[in-house]
């Protein structure tokens, strides 16, 4: 993961506050959120006291309950909190502007927590997305499909063999790339205006997107309004309750605030779905073919170094499953 930085670091990207001089702060409930610290009883009592002082009271965006959000640790200048009711993790940030962050740089190796070369790995990504389409067709064989956060449209090109597809993408360069390839993609965030232009749909996909959204509950609620009865929402995101996440703590590969703002567990995903009137029809931890260049890029970042694009073939991919990323199918009840 990236090196810990001060509040003045450019790489903090919207997180504020000085880093804890002792490094990662561990608390008594870190048995659930990571490794238990080793130290004297006095040190532990101090850490517990400091943790409780940093606890917050929030209305959870997943379960919708007003609850204590327990302070876990700091990462990239952001305080990471966890809802005690459902386990949702959240990053406390200020001043983060998605429109200025998710640009072509994010997809071309210029951002340490982005992609090494998204366009260059098109063949591998499309093979992976073809498998995702086959998975979706087990729940909905055809109809209208909307991809929220569709990037350069590789998933949509695979899905259009069976569905009438459209997309929404925040990054202007990526959205324009989609339109040049003949796809119906609108630029911006998924709001009432854009969704109104696209109409209702049968399938909505958010592939590694929900953790980036400023307000995931509001976005999902809005998408439900544009989903036909019996339609499905397919979400892929990290599993904050997974063994890898709990053991790694702040060093979890997906703990990259403020790029990732939310950290769902199975329980918090279930809680959000239920509160929005959706049924969890399926949840699993699938294998995924990942470009070798991206694996190298991320390992470099996790080692504490600044990732760089290196000459590894974008045509090679490896099957990977750390069982810390989940795939969820939510269904809107039929009338």
C-alpha atoms as a PDB file:
ATOM      1  CA  UNK A   1       0.000   0.000   0.000  1.00  0.00           C
ATOM      2  CA  UNK A   2       1.149   3.637  -0.384  1.00  0.00           C
ATOM      3  CA  UNK A   3       3.374   5.118   2.244  1.00  0.00           C
ATOM      4  CA  UNK A   4       1.694   6.917   5.122  1.00  0.00           C
ATOM      5  CA  UNK A   5       1.902  10.655   4.524  1.00  0.00           C
ATOM      6  CA  UNK A   6       1.242  13.897   6.372  1.00  0.00           C
ATOM      7  CA  UNK A   7      -1.741  16.149   5.902  1.00  0.00           C
ATOM      8  CA  UNK A   8       0.342  18.358   3.599  1.00  0.00           C
ATOM      9  CA  UNK A   9       1.214  15.534   1.248  1.00  0.00           C
ATOM     10  CA  UNK A  10      -0.192  15.865  -2.247  1.00  0.00           C
ATOM     11  CA  UNK A  11      -0.852  12.132  -2.229  1.00  0.00           C
ATOM     12  CA  UNK A  12      -3.337  12.485   0.639  1.00  0.00           C
ATOM     13  CA  UNK A  13      -5.848  13.593  -2.006  1.00  0.00           C
ATOM     14  CA  UNK A  14      -8.554  14.969   0.249  1.00  0.00           C
ATOM     15  CA  UNK A  15      -7.751  13.386   3.609  1.00  0.00           C
ATOM     16  CA  UNK A  16      -6.828  15.671   6.460  1.00  0.00           C
ATOM     17  CA  UNK A  17      -5.132  15.571   9.820  1.00  0.00           C
ATOM     18  CA  UNK A  18      -1.580  14.668  10.862  1.00  0.00           C
ATOM     19  CA  UNK A  19      -0.469  11.071  10.815  1.00  0.00           C
ATOM     20  CA  UNK A  20      -0.248   9.292  14.154  1.00  0.00           C
ATOM     21  CA  UNK A  21       3.481   9.468  15.046  1.00  0.00           C
ATOM     22  CA  UNK A  22       3.390   5.863  16.275  1.00  0.00           C
ATOM     23  CA  UNK A  23       2.128   4.604  12.929  1.00  0.00           C
ATOM     24  CA  UNK A  24      -1.092   2.622  12.713  1.00  0.00           C
ATOM     25  CA  UNK A  25      -3.330   2.933  15.755  1.00  0.00           C
ATOM     26  CA  UNK A  26      -4.719  -0.411  16.933  1.00  0.00           C
ATOM     27  CA  UNK A  27      -7.716  -0.724  19.222  1.00  0.00           C
ATOM     28  CA  UNK A  28      -9.270  -3.471  21.293  1.00  0.00           C
ATOM     29  CA  UNK A  29     -11.755  -4.221  18.532  1.00  0.00           C
ATOM     30  CA  UNK A  30      -8.958  -4.687  16.007  1.00  0.00           C
ATOM     31  CA  UNK A  31      -9.331  -8.452  16.587  1.00  0.00           C
ATOM     32  CA  UNK A  32     -12.131  -8.006  14.082  1.00  0.00           C
ATOM     33  CA  UNK A  33     -10.393  -5.348  12.012  1.00  0.00           C
ATOM     34  CA  UNK A  34      -6.797  -6.595  11.911  1.00  0.00           C
ATOM     35  CA  UNK A  35      -3.919  -7.842  14.024  1.00  0.00           C
ATOM     36  CA  UNK A  36      -3.892  -7.259  17.776  1.00  0.00           C
ATOM     37  CA  UNK A  37      -1.027  -4.967  18.841  1.00  0.00           C
ATOM     38  CA  UNK A  38       1.835  -6.091  21.053  1.00  0.00           C
ATOM     39  CA  UNK A  39       2.688  -3.728  23.893  1.00  0.00           C
ATOM     40  CA  UNK A  40       2.395  -2.994  27.576  1.00  0.00           C
ATOM     41  CA  UNK A  41      -0.955  -2.810  29.330  1.00  0.00           C
ATOM     42  CA  UNK A  42      -0.382   0.928  29.797  1.00  0.00           C
ATOM     43  CA  UNK A  43       0.176   1.380  26.072  1.00  0.00           C
ATOM     44  CA  UNK A  44      -2.943  -0.615  25.276  1.00  0.00           C
ATOM     45  CA  UNK A  45      -5.047   1.423  27.713  1.00  0.00           C
ATOM     46  CA  UNK A  46      -3.775   4.615  26.086  1.00  0.00           C
ATOM     47  CA  UNK A  47      -4.615   3.293  22.611  1.00  0.00           C
ATOM     48  CA  UNK A  48      -8.088   2.252  23.718  1.00  0.00           C
ATOM     49  CA  UNK A  49      -8.710   5.691  25.242  1.00  0.00           C
ATOM     50  CA  UNK A  50      -7.426   7.439  22.117  1.00  0.00           C
ATOM     51  CA  UNK A  51      -9.610   5.232  19.942  1.00  0.00           C
ATOM     52  CA  UNK A  52     -12.748   5.991  21.933  1.00  0.00           C
ATOM     53  CA  UNK A  53     -12.052   9.722  21.698  1.00  0.00           C
ATOM     54  CA  UNK A  54     -11.930   9.382  17.909  1.00  0.00           C
ATOM     55  CA  UNK A  55     -15.143   7.369  17.663  1.00  0.00           C
ATOM     56  CA  UNK A  56     -17.971   9.075  15.782  1.00  0.00           C
ATOM     57  CA  UNK A  57     -21.734   8.939  15.738  1.00  0.00           C
ATOM     58  CA  UNK A  58     -23.159   8.663  12.227  1.00  0.00           C
ATOM     59  CA  UNK A  59     -26.281   7.513  10.474  1.00  0.00           C
ATOM     60  CA  UNK A  60     -24.837   4.532   8.613  1.00  0.00           C
ATOM     61  CA  UNK A  61     -25.273   4.641   4.843  1.00  0.00           C
ATOM     62  CA  UNK A  62     -25.665   0.852   4.772  1.00  0.00           C
ATOM     63  CA  UNK A  63     -27.988  -0.136   7.608  1.00  0.00           C
ATOM     64  CA  UNK A  64     -29.535   3.331   7.961  1.00  0.00           C
ATOM     65  CA  UNK A  65     -29.123   3.242  11.752  1.00  0.00           C
ATOM     66  CA  UNK A  66     -27.729   6.027  13.928  1.00  0.00           C
ATOM     67  CA  UNK A  67     -24.816   4.192  15.480  1.00  0.00           C
ATOM     68  CA  UNK A  68     -21.339   4.499  16.914  1.00  0.00           C
ATOM     69  CA  UNK A  69     -18.673   4.282  14.238  1.00  0.00           C
ATOM     70  CA  UNK A  70     -15.567   2.877  15.885  1.00  0.00           C
ATOM     71  CA  UNK A  71     -12.190   4.392  14.968  1.00  0.00           C
ATOM     72  CA  UNK A  72      -9.861   1.712  13.571  1.00  0.00           C
ATOM     73  CA  UNK A  73      -6.748   3.451  12.214  1.00  0.00           C
ATOM     74  CA  UNK A  74      -5.488   6.146   9.872  1.00  0.00           C
ATOM     75  CA  UNK A  75      -4.582   5.528   6.260  1.00  0.00           C
ATOM     76  CA  UNK A  76      -3.280   8.127   3.790  1.00  0.00           C
ATOM     77  CA  UNK A  77      -4.288  10.817   6.288  1.00  0.00           C
ATOM     78  CA  UNK A  78      -7.880   9.507   6.481  1.00  0.00           C
ATOM     79  CA  UNK A  79      -9.513   8.173   9.613  1.00  0.00           C
ATOM     80  CA  UNK A  80     -11.099   4.769   8.975  1.00  0.00           C
ATOM     81  CA  UNK A  81     -14.247   4.063  10.994  1.00  0.00           C
ATOM     82  CA  UNK A  82     -16.525   1.012  11.263  1.00  0.00           C
ATOM     83  CA  UNK A  83     -20.256   0.949  12.003  1.00  0.00           C
ATOM     84  CA  UNK A  84     -20.861  -1.155  15.102  1.00  0.00           C
ATOM     85  CA  UNK A  85     -24.300  -2.192  13.833  1.00  0.00           C
ATOM     86  CA  UNK A  86     -23.476  -3.677  10.415  1.00  0.00           C
ATOM     87  CA  UNK A  87     -19.688  -3.455  10.023  1.00  0.00           C
ATOM     88  CA  UNK A  88     -19.544  -0.953   7.160  1.00  0.00           C
ATOM     89  CA  UNK A  89     -16.184   0.811   6.948  1.00  0.00           C
ATOM     90  CA  UNK A  90     -15.913   4.450   5.943  1.00  0.00           C
ATOM     91  CA  UNK A  91     -13.082   6.886   5.244  1.00  0.00           C
ATOM     92  CA  UNK A  92     -13.343  10.388   6.689  1.00  0.00           C
ATOM     93  CA  UNK A  93     -12.211  12.765   3.938  1.00  0.00           C
ATOM     94  CA  UNK A  94     -12.436  16.453   3.106  1.00  0.00           C
ATOM     95  CA  UNK A  95     -12.114  18.215  -0.210  1.00  0.00           C
ATOM     96  CA  UNK A  96     -11.833  15.131  -2.410  1.00  0.00           C
ATOM     97  CA  UNK A  97     -13.053  15.934  -5.940  1.00  0.00           C
ATOM     98  CA  UNK A  98     -13.834  12.804  -8.005  1.00  0.00           C
ATOM     99  CA  UNK A  99     -14.128  14.771 -11.253  1.00  0.00           C
ATOM    100  CA  UNK A 100     -10.525  15.922 -11.030  1.00  0.00           C
ATOM    101  CA  UNK A 101      -9.188  12.558  -9.875  1.00  0.00           C
ATOM    102  CA  UNK A 102     -10.856  10.059 -12.213  1.00  0.00           C
ATOM    103  CA  UNK A 103      -9.300  11.236 -15.446  1.00  0.00           C
ATOM    104  CA  UNK A 104      -7.195   9.502 -18.087  1.00  0.00           C
ATOM    105  CA  UNK A 105      -4.317   9.478 -15.561  1.00  0.00           C
ATOM    106  CA  UNK A 106      -6.277   7.076 -13.364  1.00  0.00           C
ATOM    107  CA  UNK A 107      -6.392   4.518 -16.173  1.00  0.00           C
ATOM    108  CA  UNK A 108      -2.856   4.931 -17.500  1.00  0.00           C
ATOM    109  CA  UNK A 109      -0.534   4.334 -14.548  1.00  0.00           C
ATOM    110  CA  UNK A 110      -0.214   7.943 -13.412  1.00  0.00           C
ATOM    111  CA  UNK A 111      -2.163   7.321 -10.198  1.00  0.00           C
ATOM    112  CA  UNK A 112      -0.612   4.875  -7.698  1.00  0.00           C
ATOM    113  CA  UNK A 113      -4.027   3.489  -6.741  1.00  0.00           C
ATOM    114  CA  UNK A 114      -5.388   3.327 -10.282  1.00  0.00           C
ATOM    115  CA  UNK A 115      -4.752   1.044 -13.260  1.00  0.00           C
ATOM    116  CA  UNK A 116      -1.372   0.362 -14.848  1.00  0.00           C
ATOM    117  CA  UNK A 117      -2.654   0.440 -18.444  1.00  0.00           C
ATOM    118  CA  UNK A 118      -6.406  -0.104 -18.750  1.00  0.00           C
ATOM    119  CA  UNK A 119      -6.641   0.261 -22.522  1.00  0.00           C
ATOM    120  CA  UNK A 120      -3.574  -1.897 -23.093  1.00  0.00           C
ATOM    121  CA  UNK A 121      -5.172  -4.803 -21.230  1.00  0.00           C
ATOM    122  CA  UNK A 122      -8.415  -4.716 -23.228  1.00  0.00           C
ATOM    123  CA  UNK A 123      -8.167  -8.326 -24.418  1.00  0.00           C
ATOM    124  CA  UNK A 124      -7.763  -9.741 -20.914  1.00  0.00           C
ATOM    125  CA  UNK A 125     -10.449  -7.494 -19.449  1.00  0.00           C
ATOM    126  CA  UNK A 126     -12.927  -8.386 -22.176  1.00  0.00           C
ATOM    127  CA  UNK A 127     -12.387 -12.108 -21.593  1.00  0.00           C
ATOM    128  CA  UNK A 128     -13.039 -11.549 -17.900  1.00  0.00           C
ATOM    129  CA  UNK A 129     -16.122  -9.415 -18.640  1.00  0.00           C
ATOM    130  CA  UNK A 130     -17.461 -12.064 -21.012  1.00  0.00           C
ATOM    131  CA  UNK A 131     -17.565 -14.422 -18.038  1.00  0.00           C
ATOM    132  CA  UNK A 132     -19.367 -11.756 -16.002  1.00  0.00           C
ATOM    133  CA  UNK A 133     -21.991 -11.443 -18.730  1.00  0.00           C
ATOM    134  CA  UNK A 134     -22.577 -15.198 -18.674  1.00  0.00           C
ATOM    135  CA  UNK A 135     -22.963 -15.014 -14.908  1.00  0.00           C
ATOM    136  CA  UNK A 136     -25.541 -12.205 -15.194  1.00  0.00           C
ATOM    137  CA  UNK A 137     -27.544 -14.140 -17.765  1.00  0.00           C
ATOM    138  CA  UNK A 138     -28.255 -16.800 -15.141  1.00  0.00           C
ATOM    139  CA  UNK A 139     -30.445 -14.193 -13.461  1.00  0.00           C
ATOM    140  CA  UNK A 140     -31.588 -12.135 -16.457  1.00  0.00           C
ATOM    141  CA  UNK A 141     -31.024 -13.495 -19.947  1.00  0.00           C
ATOM    142  CA  UNK A 142     -31.745 -10.336 -21.942  1.00  0.00           C
ATOM    143  CA  UNK A 143     -33.304  -6.886 -21.791  1.00  0.00           C
ATOM    144  CA  UNK A 144     -31.924  -3.408 -21.124  1.00  0.00           C
ATOM    145  CA  UNK A 145     -28.644  -3.105 -19.221  1.00  0.00           C
ATOM    146  CA  UNK A 146     -27.003  -0.054 -17.652  1.00  0.00           C
ATOM    147  CA  UNK A 147     -23.333  -0.039 -16.600  1.00  0.00           C
ATOM    148  CA  UNK A 148     -22.627   2.654 -13.986  1.00  0.00           C
ATOM    149  CA  UNK A 149     -18.939   3.570 -14.087  1.00  0.00           C
ATOM    150  CA  UNK A 150     -18.392   1.822 -17.406  1.00  0.00           C
ATOM    151  CA  UNK A 151     -14.812   3.126 -17.956  1.00  0.00           C
ATOM    152  CA  UNK A 152     -13.795   2.462 -21.583  1.00  0.00           C
ATOM    153  CA  UNK A 153     -16.803   0.291 -22.346  1.00  0.00           C
ATOM    154  CA  UNK A 154     -15.155  -3.122 -22.487  1.00  0.00           C
ATOM    155  CA  UNK A 155     -17.896  -4.758 -20.419  1.00  0.00           C
ATOM    156  CA  UNK A 156     -20.608  -3.105 -22.519  1.00  0.00           C
ATOM    157  CA  UNK A 157     -19.117  -4.480 -25.721  1.00  0.00           C
ATOM    158  CA  UNK A 158     -19.358  -7.996 -24.300  1.00  0.00           C
ATOM    159  CA  UNK A 159     -22.839  -7.439 -22.909  1.00  0.00           C
ATOM    160  CA  UNK A 160     -24.332  -5.988 -26.111  1.00  0.00           C
ATOM    161  CA  UNK A 161     -24.439  -9.468 -27.650  1.00  0.00           C
ATOM    162  CA  UNK A 162     -27.407 -10.190 -25.379  1.00  0.00           C
ATOM    163  CA  UNK A 163     -28.588  -6.845 -23.989  1.00  0.00           C
ATOM    164  CA  UNK A 164     -29.567  -3.381 -25.149  1.00  0.00           C
ATOM    165  CA  UNK A 165     -26.743  -1.547 -23.384  1.00  0.00           C
ATOM    166  CA  UNK A 166     -25.970   1.950 -22.156  1.00  0.00           C
ATOM    167  CA  UNK A 167     -23.523   3.419 -19.675  1.00  0.00           C
ATOM    168  CA  UNK A 168     -22.595   6.298 -17.408  1.00  0.00           C
ATOM    169  CA  UNK A 169     -18.963   7.297 -16.881  1.00  0.00           C
ATOM    170  CA  UNK A 170     -17.449  10.165 -14.900  1.00  0.00           C
ATOM    171  CA  UNK A 171     -14.138  10.328 -16.785  1.00  0.00           C
ATOM    172  CA  UNK A 172     -14.685  12.364 -19.958  1.00  0.00           C
ATOM    173  CA  UNK A 173     -11.864  10.692 -21.930  1.00  0.00           C
ATOM    174  CA  UNK A 174     -13.221   7.231 -21.165  1.00  0.00           C
ATOM    175  CA  UNK A 175     -16.815   8.214 -21.982  1.00  0.00           C
ATOM    176  CA  UNK A 176     -15.731   9.742 -25.290  1.00  0.00           C
ATOM    177  CA  UNK A 177     -13.799   6.556 -26.114  1.00  0.00           C
ATOM    178  CA  UNK A 178     -17.035   4.618 -25.571  1.00  0.00           C
ATOM    179  CA  UNK A 179     -19.027   6.904 -27.838  1.00  0.00           C
ATOM    180  CA  UNK A 180     -16.416   6.657 -30.601  1.00  0.00           C
ATOM    181  CA  UNK A 181     -16.828   2.879 -30.475  1.00  0.00           C
ATOM    182  CA  UNK A 182     -20.589   3.205 -30.960  1.00  0.00           C
ATOM    183  CA  UNK A 183     -21.796   2.864 -27.362  1.00  0.00           C
ATOM    184  CA  UNK A 184     -24.518   4.981 -25.766  1.00  0.00           C
ATOM    185  CA  UNK A 185     -22.602   6.419 -22.816  1.00  0.00           C
ATOM    186  CA  UNK A 186     -23.314   9.620 -20.909  1.00  0.00           C
ATOM    187  CA  UNK A 187     -20.684  11.612 -19.031  1.00  0.00           C
ATOM    188  CA  UNK A 188     -21.168  12.468 -15.364  1.00  0.00           C
ATOM    189  CA  UNK A 189     -22.362  10.981 -12.098  1.00  0.00           C
ATOM    190  CA  UNK A 190     -25.453   8.792 -11.911  1.00  0.00           C
ATOM    191  CA  UNK A 191     -28.073  11.402 -10.992  1.00  0.00           C
ATOM    192  CA  UNK A 192     -31.734  11.909 -11.804  1.00  0.00           C
ATOM    193  CA  UNK A 193     -30.935  13.944 -14.911  1.00  0.00           C
ATOM    194  CA  UNK A 194     -28.728  11.323 -16.582  1.00  0.00           C
ATOM    195  CA  UNK A 195     -30.895   8.394 -15.516  1.00  0.00           C
ATOM    196  CA  UNK A 196     -33.972  10.186 -16.816  1.00  0.00           C
ATOM    197  CA  UNK A 197     -32.359  10.444 -20.246  1.00  0.00           C
ATOM    198  CA  UNK A 198     -31.720   6.691 -20.281  1.00  0.00           C
ATOM    199  CA  UNK A 199     -35.113   5.521 -18.991  1.00  0.00           C
ATOM    200  CA  UNK A 200     -35.787   2.379 -16.981  1.00  0.00           C
ATOM    201  CA  UNK A 201     -33.745  -0.787 -17.288  1.00  0.00           C
ATOM    202  CA  UNK A 202     -33.732  -4.488 -16.388  1.00  0.00           C
ATOM    203  CA  UNK A 203     -30.118  -4.884 -15.254  1.00  0.00           C
ATOM    204  CA  UNK A 204     -27.799  -2.385 -13.560  1.00  0.00           C
ATOM    205  CA  UNK A 205     -24.145  -3.223 -12.946  1.00  0.00           C
ATOM    206  CA  UNK A 206     -21.639  -1.476 -10.687  1.00  0.00           C
ATOM    207  CA  UNK A 207     -18.358  -3.316 -11.153  1.00  0.00           C
ATOM    208  CA  UNK A 208     -15.852  -2.107  -8.530  1.00  0.00           C
ATOM    209  CA  UNK A 209     -17.705   1.212  -8.370  1.00  0.00           C
ATOM    210  CA  UNK A 210     -19.811   1.402  -5.202  1.00  0.00           C
ATOM    211  CA  UNK A 211     -16.763   1.923  -2.964  1.00  0.00           C
ATOM    212  CA  UNK A 212     -15.928   5.107  -4.921  1.00  0.00           C
ATOM    213  CA  UNK A 213     -19.336   6.774  -4.657  1.00  0.00           C
ATOM    214  CA  UNK A 214     -19.729   9.827  -2.391  1.00  0.00           C
ATOM    215  CA  UNK A 215     -23.113   8.511  -1.198  1.00  0.00           C
ATOM    216  CA  UNK A 216     -23.634   4.856  -2.178  1.00  0.00           C
ATOM    217  CA  UNK A 217     -26.981   4.464  -0.416  1.00  0.00           C
ATOM    218  CA  UNK A 218     -28.492   7.474  -2.204  1.00  0.00           C
ATOM    219  CA  UNK A 219     -27.127   6.277  -5.536  1.00  0.00           C
ATOM    220  CA  UNK A 220     -28.477   2.741  -5.128  1.00  0.00           C
ATOM    221  CA  UNK A 221     -31.864   4.130  -4.011  1.00  0.00           C
ATOM    222  CA  UNK A 222     -31.966   6.296  -7.139  1.00  0.00           C
ATOM    223  CA  UNK A 223     -31.004   3.367  -9.352  1.00  0.00           C
ATOM    224  CA  UNK A 224     -33.770   1.252  -7.804  1.00  0.00           C
ATOM    225  CA  UNK A 225     -36.279   3.875  -8.980  1.00  0.00           C
ATOM    226  CA  UNK A 226     -35.048   3.362 -12.546  1.00  0.00           C
ATOM    227  CA  UNK A 227     -35.005  -0.437 -12.303  1.00  0.00           C
ATOM    228  CA  UNK A 228     -37.996  -2.348 -13.643  1.00  0.00           C
ATOM    229  CA  UNK A 229     -39.837  -4.666 -11.219  1.00  0.00           C
ATOM    230  CA  UNK A 230     -38.024  -8.001 -11.091  1.00  0.00           C
ATOM    231  CA  UNK A 231     -34.828  -6.384 -12.352  1.00  0.00           C
ATOM    232  CA  UNK A 232     -31.411  -6.916 -10.802  1.00  0.00           C
ATOM    233  CA  UNK A 233     -28.455  -4.874  -9.611  1.00  0.00           C
ATOM    234  CA  UNK A 234     -25.067  -6.602  -9.838  1.00  0.00           C
ATOM    235  CA  UNK A 235     -22.326  -5.220  -7.578  1.00  0.00           C
ATOM    236  CA  UNK A 236     -18.683  -6.188  -7.170  1.00  0.00           C
ATOM    237  CA  UNK A 237     -16.672  -4.680  -4.329  1.00  0.00           C
ATOM    238  CA  UNK A 238     -14.218  -5.585  -1.585  1.00  0.00           C
ATOM    239  CA  UNK A 239     -15.336  -7.652   1.418  1.00  0.00           C
ATOM    240  CA  UNK A 240     -14.329  -5.734   4.552  1.00  0.00           C
ATOM    241  CA  UNK A 241     -15.281  -8.737   6.688  1.00  0.00           C
ATOM    242  CA  UNK A 242     -13.010 -11.150   4.822  1.00  0.00           C
ATOM    243  CA  UNK A 243     -10.128 -12.899   6.536  1.00  0.00           C
ATOM    244  CA  UNK A 244      -7.542 -11.078   4.424  1.00  0.00           C
ATOM    245  CA  UNK A 245      -9.045  -7.682   5.275  1.00  0.00           C
ATOM    246  CA  UNK A 246      -9.232  -8.425   8.995  1.00  0.00           C
ATOM    247  CA  UNK A 247      -5.669  -9.735   9.190  1.00  0.00           C
ATOM    248  CA  UNK A 248      -4.109  -7.050   6.963  1.00  0.00           C
ATOM    249  CA  UNK A 249      -5.899  -4.126   8.617  1.00  0.00           C
ATOM    250  CA  UNK A 250      -4.587  -0.839   7.230  1.00  0.00           C
ATOM    251  CA  UNK A 251      -2.357  -2.788   4.823  1.00  0.00           C
ATOM    252  CA  UNK A 252      -5.279  -4.445   3.038  1.00  0.00           C
ATOM    253  CA  UNK A 253      -4.796  -4.089  -0.708  1.00  0.00           C
ATOM    254  CA  UNK A 254      -8.180  -2.342  -1.085  1.00  0.00           C
ATOM    255  CA  UNK A 255      -7.629   0.078   1.781  1.00  0.00           C
ATOM    256  CA  UNK A 256      -6.799   3.029  -0.499  1.00  0.00           C
ATOM    257  CA  UNK A 257      -8.682   6.110   0.722  1.00  0.00           C
ATOM    258  CA  UNK A 258      -9.808   8.540  -0.522  1.00  0.00           C
ATOM    259  CA  UNK A 259     -10.032   6.609  -3.787  1.00  0.00           C
ATOM    260  CA  UNK A 260     -12.002   3.991  -1.853  1.00  0.00           C
ATOM    261  CA  UNK A 261     -14.452   5.701   0.491  1.00  0.00           C
ATOM    262  CA  UNK A 262     -16.559   2.751   1.673  1.00  0.00           C
ATOM    263  CA  UNK A 263     -15.728  -0.781   2.742  1.00  0.00           C
ATOM    264  CA  UNK A 264     -18.688  -3.146   2.656  1.00  0.00           C
ATOM    265  CA  UNK A 265     -18.956  -6.462   4.443  1.00  0.00           C
ATOM    266  CA  UNK A 266     -21.497  -9.152   3.633  1.00  0.00           C
ATOM    267  CA  UNK A 267     -23.553  -8.006   6.634  1.00  0.00           C
ATOM    268  CA  UNK A 268     -23.521  -4.345   5.631  1.00  0.00           C
ATOM    269  CA  UNK A 269     -24.431  -5.184   2.027  1.00  0.00           C
ATOM    270  CA  UNK A 270     -27.348  -7.277   3.285  1.00  0.00           C
ATOM    271  CA  UNK A 271     -28.422  -4.461   5.623  1.00  0.00           C
ATOM    272  CA  UNK A 272     -28.395  -1.851   2.868  1.00  0.00           C
ATOM    273  CA  UNK A 273     -30.280  -4.086   0.461  1.00  0.00           C
ATOM    274  CA  UNK A 274     -32.974  -4.897   3.012  1.00  0.00           C
ATOM    275  CA  UNK A 275     -33.440  -1.250   3.990  1.00  0.00           C
ATOM    276  CA  UNK A 276     -33.940  -0.352   0.305  1.00  0.00           C
ATOM    277  CA  UNK A 277     -36.449  -3.128  -0.310  1.00  0.00           C
ATOM    278  CA  UNK A 278     -34.094  -5.323  -2.314  1.00  0.00           C
ATOM    279  CA  UNK A 279     -33.518  -9.058  -1.987  1.00  0.00           C
ATOM    280  CA  UNK A 280     -30.000 -10.496  -1.890  1.00  0.00           C
ATOM    281  CA  UNK A 281     -30.376 -13.260  -4.450  1.00  0.00           C
ATOM    282  CA  UNK A 282     -26.722 -14.266  -4.678  1.00  0.00           C
ATOM    283  CA  UNK A 283     -23.393 -13.505  -2.997  1.00  0.00           C
ATOM    284  CA  UNK A 284     -20.036 -15.145  -3.689  1.00  0.00           C
ATOM    285  CA  UNK A 285     -16.293 -14.500  -3.920  1.00  0.00           C
ATOM    286  CA  UNK A 286     -15.428 -15.252  -7.565  1.00  0.00           C
ATOM    287  CA  UNK A 287     -12.108 -15.988  -9.195  1.00  0.00           C
ATOM    288  CA  UNK A 288     -10.901 -13.284 -11.544  1.00  0.00           C
ATOM    289  CA  UNK A 289      -8.342 -13.168 -14.357  1.00  0.00           C
ATOM    290  CA  UNK A 290      -6.151 -10.138 -13.647  1.00  0.00           C
ATOM    291  CA  UNK A 291      -3.602  -8.625 -16.079  1.00  0.00           C
ATOM    292  CA  UNK A 292      -0.059  -9.423 -15.002  1.00  0.00           C
ATOM    293  CA  UNK A 293       0.904  -5.790 -15.506  1.00  0.00           C
ATOM    294  CA  UNK A 294      -1.754  -4.710 -12.992  1.00  0.00           C
ATOM    295  CA  UNK A 295      -0.634  -7.318 -10.451  1.00  0.00           C
ATOM    296  CA  UNK A 296       2.940  -6.016 -10.689  1.00  0.00           C
ATOM    297  CA  UNK A 297       1.698  -2.425 -10.462  1.00  0.00           C
ATOM    298  CA  UNK A 298      -0.291  -3.131  -7.287  1.00  0.00           C
ATOM    299  CA  UNK A 299       2.434  -5.198  -5.629  1.00  0.00           C
ATOM    300  CA  UNK A 300       4.852  -2.322  -6.119  1.00  0.00           C
ATOM    301  CA  UNK A 301       2.370   0.037  -4.475  1.00  0.00           C
ATOM    302  CA  UNK A 302       1.741  -2.345  -1.576  1.00  0.00           C
ATOM    303  CA  UNK A 303       5.485  -2.627  -0.951  1.00  0.00           C
ATOM    304  CA  UNK A 304       5.520   1.066  -0.097  1.00  0.00           C
ATOM    305  CA  UNK A 305       7.086   2.198  -3.363  1.00  0.00           C
ATOM    306  CA  UNK A 306       5.554   4.483  -5.949  1.00  0.00           C
ATOM    307  CA  UNK A 307       4.177   2.264  -8.725  1.00  0.00           C
ATOM    308  CA  UNK A 308       5.530   2.672 -12.235  1.00  0.00           C
ATOM    309  CA  UNK A 309       4.489   1.191 -15.519  1.00  0.00           C
ATOM    310  CA  UNK A 310       6.927  -1.546 -16.439  1.00  0.00           C
ATOM    311  CA  UNK A 311       7.420  -3.633 -19.558  1.00  0.00           C
ATOM    312  CA  UNK A 312       5.353  -6.692 -18.740  1.00  0.00           C
ATOM    313  CA  UNK A 313       3.068  -7.991 -21.459  1.00  0.00           C
ATOM    314  CA  UNK A 314      -0.491  -6.731 -21.171  1.00  0.00           C
ATOM    315  CA  UNK A 315      -1.579  -9.902 -22.925  1.00  0.00           C
ATOM    316  CA  UNK A 316      -0.859 -12.086 -19.899  1.00  0.00           C
ATOM    317  CA  UNK A 317      -3.354 -12.644 -17.116  1.00  0.00           C
ATOM    318  CA  UNK A 318      -3.424 -14.761 -13.985  1.00  0.00           C
ATOM    319  CA  UNK A 319      -6.442 -16.298 -12.214  1.00  0.00           C
ATOM    320  CA  UNK A 320      -6.573 -14.744  -8.742  1.00  0.00           C
ATOM    321  CA  UNK A 321      -8.842 -15.151  -5.730  1.00  0.00           C
ATOM    322  CA  UNK A 322      -7.909 -13.824  -2.290  1.00  0.00           C
ATOM    323  CA  UNK A 323     -11.562 -14.262  -1.220  1.00  0.00           C
ATOM    324  CA  UNK A 324     -11.654 -10.599  -0.195  1.00  0.00           C
ATOM    325  CA  UNK A 325     -13.809  -9.361  -3.082  1.00  0.00           C
ATOM    326  CA  UNK A 326     -17.496 -10.194  -3.327  1.00  0.00           C
ATOM    327  CA  UNK A 327     -20.050 -10.313  -6.110  1.00  0.00           C
ATOM    328  CA  UNK A 328     -23.648  -9.581  -5.162  1.00  0.00           C
ATOM    329  CA  UNK A 329     -26.923  -9.866  -7.052  1.00  0.00           C
ATOM    330  CA  UNK A 330     -29.778  -7.757  -5.672  1.00  0.00           C
ATOM    331  CA  UNK A 331     -33.287  -8.138  -7.062  1.00  0.00           C
ATOM    332  CA  UNK A 332     -36.143  -5.667  -7.010  1.00  0.00           C
ATOM    333  CA  UNK A 333     -39.371  -7.466  -6.111  1.00  0.00           C
ATOM    334  CA  UNK A 334     -41.893  -7.958  -8.885  1.00  0.00           C
ATOM    335  CA  UNK A 335     -45.221  -6.209  -8.583  1.00  0.00           C
END
